[in-house]
């Protein structure tokens, strides 16, 4: 069995954002100390042109797999 390749959180966010940019969208991280944290979660997707939140409480790893940013044999480190 082959060993899984580890991808850092920052690298995965960059990969996802490159894919989302084609749709004028961006994955954003909400710091825990922001008052919107409980509403938005750790990550949310923003429509850049309209400045509208499209998705809240986004699971980074699931989104990356769905978009093809996380390839088979790779996994999020940490």
PDB file of N, CA and C in Angstrom:
ATOM      1  N   UNK A   1       0.842  -1.181   0.000  1.00  0.00           N
ATOM      2  CA  UNK A   1       0.000   0.000   0.000  1.00  0.00           C
ATOM      3  C   UNK A   1       0.888   1.245   0.000  1.00  0.00           C
ATOM      4  N   UNK A   2       0.608   2.167  -0.898  1.00  0.00           N
ATOM      5  CA  UNK A   2       1.407   3.390  -1.010  1.00  0.00           C
ATOM      6  C   UNK A   2       1.090   4.345   0.133  1.00  0.00           C
ATOM      7  N   UNK A   3       2.114   5.071   0.525  1.00  0.00           N
ATOM      8  CA  UNK A   3       1.948   6.052   1.589  1.00  0.00           C
ATOM      9  C   UNK A   3       1.232   7.284   1.051  1.00  0.00           C
ATOM     10  N   UNK A   4       0.346   7.847   1.864  1.00  0.00           N
ATOM     11  CA  UNK A   4      -0.371   9.051   1.453  1.00  0.00           C
ATOM     12  C   UNK A   4       0.566  10.255   1.475  1.00  0.00           C
ATOM     13  N   UNK A   5       0.425  11.104   0.481  1.00  0.00           N
ATOM     14  CA  UNK A   5       1.184  12.347   0.445  1.00  0.00           C
ATOM     15  C   UNK A   5       0.440  13.390   1.272  1.00  0.00           C
ATOM     16  N   UNK A   6       1.157  14.086   2.119  1.00  0.00           N
ATOM     17  CA  UNK A   6       0.541  15.096   2.971  1.00  0.00           C
ATOM     18  C   UNK A   6       0.594  16.457   2.292  1.00  0.00           C
ATOM     19  N   UNK A   7      -0.521  17.163   2.344  1.00  0.00           N
ATOM     20  CA  UNK A   7      -0.630  18.500   1.774  1.00  0.00           C
ATOM     21  C   UNK A   7      -0.947  19.455   2.919  1.00  0.00           C
ATOM     22  N   UNK A   8      -0.213  20.546   3.010  1.00  0.00           N
ATOM     23  CA  UNK A   8      -0.456  21.505   4.093  1.00  0.00           C
ATOM     24  C   UNK A   8      -1.780  22.231   3.874  1.00  0.00           C
ATOM     25  N   UNK A   9      -2.314  22.762   4.947  1.00  0.00           N
ATOM     26  CA  UNK A   9      -3.579  23.492   4.886  1.00  0.00           C
ATOM     27  C   UNK A   9      -3.458  24.692   3.939  1.00  0.00           C
ATOM     28  N   UNK A  10      -2.366  25.444   4.056  1.00  0.00           N
ATOM     29  CA  UNK A  10      -2.170  26.621   3.204  1.00  0.00           C
ATOM     30  C   UNK A  10      -2.092  26.243   1.727  1.00  0.00           C
ATOM     31  N   UNK A  11      -1.392  25.158   1.429  1.00  0.00           N
ATOM     32  CA  UNK A  11      -1.278  24.710   0.038  1.00  0.00           C
ATOM     33  C   UNK A  11      -2.640  24.285  -0.508  1.00  0.00           C
ATOM     34  N   UNK A  12      -3.420  23.606   0.327  1.00  0.00           N
ATOM     35  CA  UNK A  12      -4.735  23.149  -0.108  1.00  0.00           C
ATOM     36  C   UNK A  12      -5.682  24.332  -0.317  1.00  0.00           C
ATOM     37  N   UNK A  13      -5.623  25.319   0.558  1.00  0.00           N
ATOM     38  CA  UNK A  13      -6.442  26.525   0.391  1.00  0.00           C
ATOM     39  C   UNK A  13      -6.081  27.217  -0.925  1.00  0.00           C
ATOM     40  N   UNK A  14      -4.797  27.303  -1.231  1.00  0.00           N
ATOM     41  CA  UNK A  14      -4.354  27.928  -2.484  1.00  0.00           C
ATOM     42  C   UNK A  14      -4.873  27.147  -3.691  1.00  0.00           C
ATOM     43  N   UNK A  15      -4.804  25.826  -3.637  1.00  0.00           N
ATOM     44  CA  UNK A  15      -5.308  24.994  -4.741  1.00  0.00           C
ATOM     45  C   UNK A  15      -6.803  25.222  -4.946  1.00  0.00           C
ATOM     46  N   UNK A  16      -7.552  25.197  -3.848  1.00  0.00           N
ATOM     47  CA  UNK A  16      -9.004  25.389  -3.916  1.00  0.00           C
ATOM     48  C   UNK A  16      -9.321  26.771  -4.483  1.00  0.00           C
ATOM     49  N   UNK A  17      -8.618  27.785  -4.014  1.00  0.00           N
ATOM     50  CA  UNK A  17      -8.891  29.142  -4.492  1.00  0.00           C
ATOM     51  C   UNK A  17      -8.569  29.320  -5.970  1.00  0.00           C
ATOM     52  N   UNK A  18      -7.577  28.603  -6.476  1.00  0.00           N
ATOM     53  CA  UNK A  18      -7.299  28.668  -7.918  1.00  0.00           C
ATOM     54  C   UNK A  18      -8.477  28.106  -8.708  1.00  0.00           C
ATOM     55  N   UNK A  19      -9.082  27.049  -8.210  1.00  0.00           N
ATOM     56  CA  UNK A  19     -10.255  26.462  -8.889  1.00  0.00           C
ATOM     57  C   UNK A  19     -11.469  27.386  -8.781  1.00  0.00           C
ATOM     58  N   UNK A  20     -11.686  27.918  -7.568  1.00  0.00           N
ATOM     59  CA  UNK A  20     -12.855  28.771  -7.346  1.00  0.00           C
ATOM     60  C   UNK A  20     -12.755  30.100  -8.088  1.00  0.00           C
ATOM     61  N   UNK A  21     -11.550  30.591  -8.297  1.00  0.00           N
ATOM     62  CA  UNK A  21     -11.349  31.879  -8.977  1.00  0.00           C
ATOM     63  C   UNK A  21     -11.951  31.863 -10.382  1.00  0.00           C
ATOM     64  N   UNK A  22     -11.975  30.710 -11.014  1.00  0.00           N
ATOM     65  CA  UNK A  22     -12.548  30.583 -12.359  1.00  0.00           C
ATOM     66  C   UNK A  22     -14.048  30.876 -12.352  1.00  0.00           C
ATOM     67  N   UNK A  23     -14.675  30.727 -11.160  1.00  0.00           N
ATOM     68  CA  UNK A  23     -16.113  30.978 -11.009  1.00  0.00           C
ATOM     69  C   UNK A  23     -16.364  32.293 -10.266  1.00  0.00           C
ATOM     70  N   UNK A  24     -15.316  33.104 -10.123  1.00  0.00           N
ATOM     71  CA  UNK A  24     -15.402  34.384  -9.406  1.00  0.00           C
ATOM     72  C   UNK A  24     -15.758  34.183  -7.931  1.00  0.00           C
ATOM     73  N   UNK A  25     -15.231  33.107  -7.345  1.00  0.00           N
ATOM     74  CA  UNK A  25     -15.485  32.784  -5.948  1.00  0.00           C
ATOM     75  C   UNK A  25     -14.164  32.638  -5.206  1.00  0.00           C
ATOM     76  N   UNK A  26     -14.244  32.712  -3.884  1.00  0.00           N
ATOM     77  CA  UNK A  26     -13.041  32.606  -3.062  1.00  0.00           C
ATOM     78  C   UNK A  26     -13.368  31.900  -1.750  1.00  0.00           C
ATOM     79  N   UNK A  27     -12.465  31.021  -1.324  1.00  0.00           N
ATOM     80  CA  UNK A  27     -12.585  30.372  -0.021  1.00  0.00           C
ATOM     81  C   UNK A  27     -11.922  31.284   0.994  1.00  0.00           C
ATOM     82  N   UNK A  28     -12.639  31.614   2.040  1.00  0.00           N
ATOM     83  CA  UNK A  28     -12.117  32.503   3.074  1.00  0.00           C
ATOM     84  C   UNK A  28     -12.129  31.792   4.413  1.00  0.00           C
ATOM     85  N   UNK A  29     -11.174  32.181   5.258  1.00  0.00           N
ATOM     86  CA  UNK A  29     -11.097  31.641   6.615  1.00  0.00           C
ATOM     87  C   UNK A  29     -11.596  32.707   7.573  1.00  0.00           C
ATOM     88  N   UNK A  30     -12.438  32.314   8.515  1.00  0.00           N
ATOM     89  CA  UNK A  30     -12.970  33.241   9.505  1.00  0.00           C
ATOM     90  C   UNK A  30     -12.266  32.984  10.838  1.00  0.00           C
ATOM     91  N   UNK A  31     -11.538  33.958  11.366  1.00  0.00           N
ATOM     92  CA  UNK A  31     -10.865  33.776  12.656  1.00  0.00           C
ATOM     93  C   UNK A  31     -11.882  33.547  13.783  1.00  0.00           C
ATOM     94  N   UNK A  32     -11.494  32.743  14.747  1.00  0.00           N
ATOM     95  CA  UNK A  32     -12.400  32.410  15.850  1.00  0.00           C
ATOM     96  C   UNK A  32     -12.816  33.626  16.666  1.00  0.00           C
ATOM     97  N   UNK A  33     -12.014  34.666  16.691  1.00  0.00           N
ATOM     98  CA  UNK A  33     -12.347  35.827  17.514  1.00  0.00           C
ATOM     99  C   UNK A  33     -13.269  36.834  16.809  1.00  0.00           C
ATOM    100  N   UNK A  34     -13.643  36.553  15.571  1.00  0.00           N
ATOM    101  CA  UNK A  34     -14.596  37.427  14.870  1.00  0.00           C
ATOM    102  C   UNK A  34     -16.011  37.122  15.315  1.00  0.00           C
ATOM    103  N   UNK A  35     -16.838  38.133  15.370  1.00  0.00           N
ATOM    104  CA  UNK A  35     -18.212  37.903  15.847  1.00  0.00           C
ATOM    105  C   UNK A  35     -19.026  37.038  14.882  1.00  0.00           C
ATOM    106  N   UNK A  36     -18.635  36.983  13.617  1.00  0.00           N
ATOM    107  CA  UNK A  36     -19.343  36.171  12.618  1.00  0.00           C
ATOM    108  C   UNK A  36     -18.907  34.713  12.608  1.00  0.00           C
ATOM    109  N   UNK A  37     -17.965  34.349  13.458  1.00  0.00           N
ATOM    110  CA  UNK A  37     -17.401  32.996  13.423  1.00  0.00           C
ATOM    111  C   UNK A  37     -18.478  31.919  13.565  1.00  0.00           C
ATOM    112  N   UNK A  38     -19.401  32.094  14.495  1.00  0.00           N
ATOM    113  CA  UNK A  38     -20.422  31.058  14.718  1.00  0.00           C
ATOM    114  C   UNK A  38     -21.394  30.958  13.543  1.00  0.00           C
ATOM    115  N   UNK A  39     -21.534  32.028  12.809  1.00  0.00           N
ATOM    116  CA  UNK A  39     -22.403  32.026  11.635  1.00  0.00           C
ATOM    117  C   UNK A  39     -21.703  31.439  10.412  1.00  0.00           C
ATOM    118  N   UNK A  40     -20.424  31.803  10.224  1.00  0.00           N
ATOM    119  CA  UNK A  40     -19.689  31.405   9.021  1.00  0.00           C
ATOM    120  C   UNK A  40     -18.908  30.106   9.167  1.00  0.00           C
ATOM    121  N   UNK A  41     -18.434  29.798  10.366  1.00  0.00           N
ATOM    122  CA  UNK A  41     -17.596  28.620  10.578  1.00  0.00           C
ATOM    123  C   UNK A  41     -16.142  28.921  10.255  1.00  0.00           C
ATOM    124  N   UNK A  42     -15.307  27.892  10.260  1.00  0.00           N
ATOM    125  CA  UNK A  42     -13.878  28.069   9.964  1.00  0.00           C
ATOM    126  C   UNK A  42     -13.659  28.611   8.553  1.00  0.00           C
ATOM    127  N   UNK A  43     -14.384  28.048   7.595  1.00  0.00           N
ATOM    128  CA  UNK A  43     -14.239  28.454   6.196  1.00  0.00           C
ATOM    129  C   UNK A  43     -15.605  28.747   5.589  1.00  0.00           C
ATOM    130  N   UNK A  44     -15.612  29.703   4.654  1.00  0.00           N
ATOM    131  CA  UNK A  44     -16.826  30.027   3.917  1.00  0.00           C
ATOM    132  C   UNK A  44     -16.434  30.415   2.494  1.00  0.00           C
ATOM    133  N   UNK A  45     -17.399  30.349   1.581  1.00  0.00           N
ATOM    134  CA  UNK A  45     -17.143  30.702   0.184  1.00  0.00           C
ATOM    135  C   UNK A  45     -17.834  32.023  -0.113  1.00  0.00           C
ATOM    136  N   UNK A  46     -17.079  32.919  -0.737  1.00  0.00           N
ATOM    137  CA  UNK A  46     -17.553  34.261  -1.041  1.00  0.00           C
ATOM    138  C   UNK A  46     -17.611  34.459  -2.552  1.00  0.00           C
ATOM    139  N   UNK A  47     -18.725  35.018  -3.046  1.00  0.00           N
ATOM    140  CA  UNK A  47     -18.820  35.443  -4.441  1.00  0.00           C
ATOM    141  C   UNK A  47     -18.130  36.798  -4.505  1.00  0.00           C
ATOM    142  N   UNK A  48     -17.012  36.858  -5.195  1.00  0.00           N
ATOM    143  CA  UNK A  48     -16.178  38.055  -5.196  1.00  0.00           C
ATOM    144  C   UNK A  48     -16.870  39.239  -5.875  1.00  0.00           C
ATOM    145  N   UNK A  49     -17.555  39.012  -6.963  1.00  0.00           N
ATOM    146  CA  UNK A  49     -18.155  40.122  -7.712  1.00  0.00           C
ATOM    147  C   UNK A  49     -19.340  40.749  -6.977  1.00  0.00           C
ATOM    148  N   UNK A  50     -20.087  39.947  -6.239  1.00  0.00           N
ATOM    149  CA  UNK A  50     -21.258  40.472  -5.532  1.00  0.00           C
ATOM    150  C   UNK A  50     -21.023  40.657  -4.035  1.00  0.00           C
ATOM    151  N   UNK A  51     -19.867  40.188  -3.540  1.00  0.00           N
ATOM    152  CA  UNK A  51     -19.536  40.257  -2.115  1.00  0.00           C
ATOM    153  C   UNK A  51     -20.630  39.600  -1.262  1.00  0.00           C
ATOM    154  N   UNK A  52     -21.020  38.391  -1.683  1.00  0.00           N
ATOM    155  CA  UNK A  52     -22.081  37.642  -1.020  1.00  0.00           C
ATOM    156  C   UNK A  52     -21.528  36.291  -0.581  1.00  0.00           C
ATOM    157  N   UNK A  53     -21.882  35.878   0.627  1.00  0.00           N
ATOM    158  CA  UNK A  53     -21.474  34.567   1.122  1.00  0.00           C
ATOM    159  C   UNK A  53     -22.342  33.508   0.445  1.00  0.00           C
ATOM    160  N   UNK A  54     -21.693  32.547  -0.213  1.00  0.00           N
ATOM    161  CA  UNK A  54     -22.409  31.491  -0.927  1.00  0.00           C
ATOM    162  C   UNK A  54     -22.554  30.221  -0.105  1.00  0.00           C
ATOM    163  N   UNK A  55     -21.570  29.943   0.755  1.00  0.00           N
ATOM    164  CA  UNK A  55     -21.597  28.724   1.569  1.00  0.00           C
ATOM    165  C   UNK A  55     -20.921  28.998   2.900  1.00  0.00           C
ATOM    166  N   UNK A  56     -21.502  28.446   3.966  1.00  0.00           N
ATOM    167  CA  UNK A  56     -20.963  28.612   5.316  1.00  0.00           C
ATOM    168  C   UNK A  56     -20.548  27.251   5.849  1.00  0.00           C
ATOM    169  N   UNK A  57     -19.694  27.256   6.857  1.00  0.00           N
ATOM    170  CA  UNK A  57     -19.238  26.025   7.517  1.00  0.00           C
ATOM    171  C   UNK A  57     -18.729  25.005   6.491  1.00  0.00           C
ATOM    172  N   UNK A  58     -17.863  25.453   5.608  1.00  0.00           N
ATOM    173  CA  UNK A  58     -17.321  24.619   4.537  1.00  0.00           C
ATOM    174  C   UNK A  58     -16.238  23.702   5.095  1.00  0.00           C
ATOM    175  N   UNK A  59     -16.313  22.426   4.746  1.00  0.00           N
ATOM    176  CA  UNK A  59     -15.284  21.451   5.121  1.00  0.00           C
ATOM    177  C   UNK A  59     -14.207  21.496   4.036  1.00  0.00           C
ATOM    178  N   UNK A  60     -13.025  21.965   4.402  1.00  0.00           N
ATOM    179  CA  UNK A  60     -11.939  22.174   3.439  1.00  0.00           C
ATOM    180  C   UNK A  60     -11.605  20.900   2.672  1.00  0.00           C
ATOM    181  N   UNK A  61     -11.445  19.803   3.364  1.00  0.00           N
ATOM    182  CA  UNK A  61     -11.037  18.554   2.713  1.00  0.00           C
ATOM    183  C   UNK A  61     -12.121  18.042   1.760  1.00  0.00           C
ATOM    184  N   UNK A  62     -13.380  18.096   2.168  1.00  0.00           N
ATOM    185  CA  UNK A  62     -14.469  17.638   1.296  1.00  0.00           C
ATOM    186  C   UNK A  62     -14.578  18.509   0.047  1.00  0.00           C
ATOM    187  N   UNK A  63     -14.463  19.821   0.230  1.00  0.00           N
ATOM    188  CA  UNK A  63     -14.528  20.731  -0.916  1.00  0.00           C
ATOM    189  C   UNK A  63     -13.374  20.477  -1.873  1.00  0.00           C
ATOM    190  N   UNK A  64     -12.178  20.297  -1.325  1.00  0.00           N
ATOM    191  CA  UNK A  64     -10.996  20.053  -2.162  1.00  0.00           C
ATOM    192  C   UNK A  64     -11.157  18.772  -2.979  1.00  0.00           C
ATOM    193  N   UNK A  65     -11.696  17.731  -2.370  1.00  0.00           N
ATOM    194  CA  UNK A  65     -11.929  16.478  -3.103  1.00  0.00           C
ATOM    195  C   UNK A  65     -12.970  16.686  -4.199  1.00  0.00           C
ATOM    196  N   UNK A  66     -14.041  17.402  -3.875  1.00  0.00           N
ATOM    197  CA  UNK A  66     -15.114  17.652  -4.842  1.00  0.00           C
ATOM    198  C   UNK A  66     -14.603  18.432  -6.055  1.00  0.00           C
ATOM    199  N   UNK A  67     -13.727  19.402  -5.813  1.00  0.00           N
ATOM    200  CA  UNK A  67     -13.193  20.226  -6.897  1.00  0.00           C
ATOM    201  C   UNK A  67     -12.031  19.570  -7.637  1.00  0.00           C
ATOM    202  N   UNK A  68     -11.510  18.475  -7.090  1.00  0.00           N
ATOM    203  CA  UNK A  68     -10.357  17.819  -7.696  1.00  0.00           C
ATOM    204  C   UNK A  68      -9.037  18.439  -7.281  1.00  0.00           C
ATOM    205  N   UNK A  69      -9.066  19.265  -6.250  1.00  0.00           N
ATOM    206  CA  UNK A  69      -7.839  19.903  -5.755  1.00  0.00           C
ATOM    207  C   UNK A  69      -7.029  18.976  -4.864  1.00  0.00           C
ATOM    208  N   UNK A  70      -7.677  17.984  -4.306  1.00  0.00           N
ATOM    209  CA  UNK A  70      -7.003  16.982  -3.480  1.00  0.00           C
ATOM    210  C   UNK A  70      -7.084  15.665  -4.241  1.00  0.00           C
ATOM    211  N   UNK A  71      -5.952  15.231  -4.732  1.00  0.00           N
ATOM    212  CA  UNK A  71      -5.908  14.051  -5.596  1.00  0.00           C
ATOM    213  C   UNK A  71      -5.928  12.766  -4.777  1.00  0.00           C
ATOM    214  N   UNK A  72      -6.307  11.649  -5.404  1.00  0.00           N
ATOM    215  CA  UNK A  72      -6.236  10.366  -4.706  1.00  0.00           C
ATOM    216  C   UNK A  72      -4.809  10.119  -4.224  1.00  0.00           C
ATOM    217  N   UNK A  73      -4.681   9.650  -3.009  1.00  0.00           N
ATOM    218  CA  UNK A  73      -3.361   9.408  -2.445  1.00  0.00           C
ATOM    219  C   UNK A  73      -2.818  10.598  -1.675  1.00  0.00           C
ATOM    220  N   UNK A  74      -3.548  11.713  -1.695  1.00  0.00           N
ATOM    221  CA  UNK A  74      -3.143  12.888  -0.921  1.00  0.00           C
ATOM    222  C   UNK A  74      -4.108  13.067   0.241  1.00  0.00           C
ATOM    223  N   UNK A  75      -3.582  13.668   1.320  1.00  0.00           N
ATOM    224  CA  UNK A  75      -4.460  13.982   2.438  1.00  0.00           C
ATOM    225  C   UNK A  75      -3.973  15.237   3.140  1.00  0.00           C
ATOM    226  N   UNK A  76      -4.882  15.886   3.800  1.00  0.00           N
ATOM    227  CA  UNK A  76      -4.576  17.114   4.519  1.00  0.00           C
ATOM    228  C   UNK A  76      -3.728  16.779   5.731  1.00  0.00           C
ATOM    229  N   UNK A  77      -2.613  17.456   5.875  1.00  0.00           N
ATOM    230  CA  UNK A  77      -1.747  17.188   7.029  1.00  0.00           C
ATOM    231  C   UNK A  77      -2.237  17.978   8.228  1.00  0.00           C
ATOM    232  N   UNK A  78      -1.905  17.455   9.402  1.00  0.00           N
ATOM    233  CA  UNK A  78      -2.246  18.149  10.642  1.00  0.00           C
ATOM    234  C   UNK A  78      -3.560  17.759  11.078  1.00  0.00           C
TER     235      UNK A  78
END
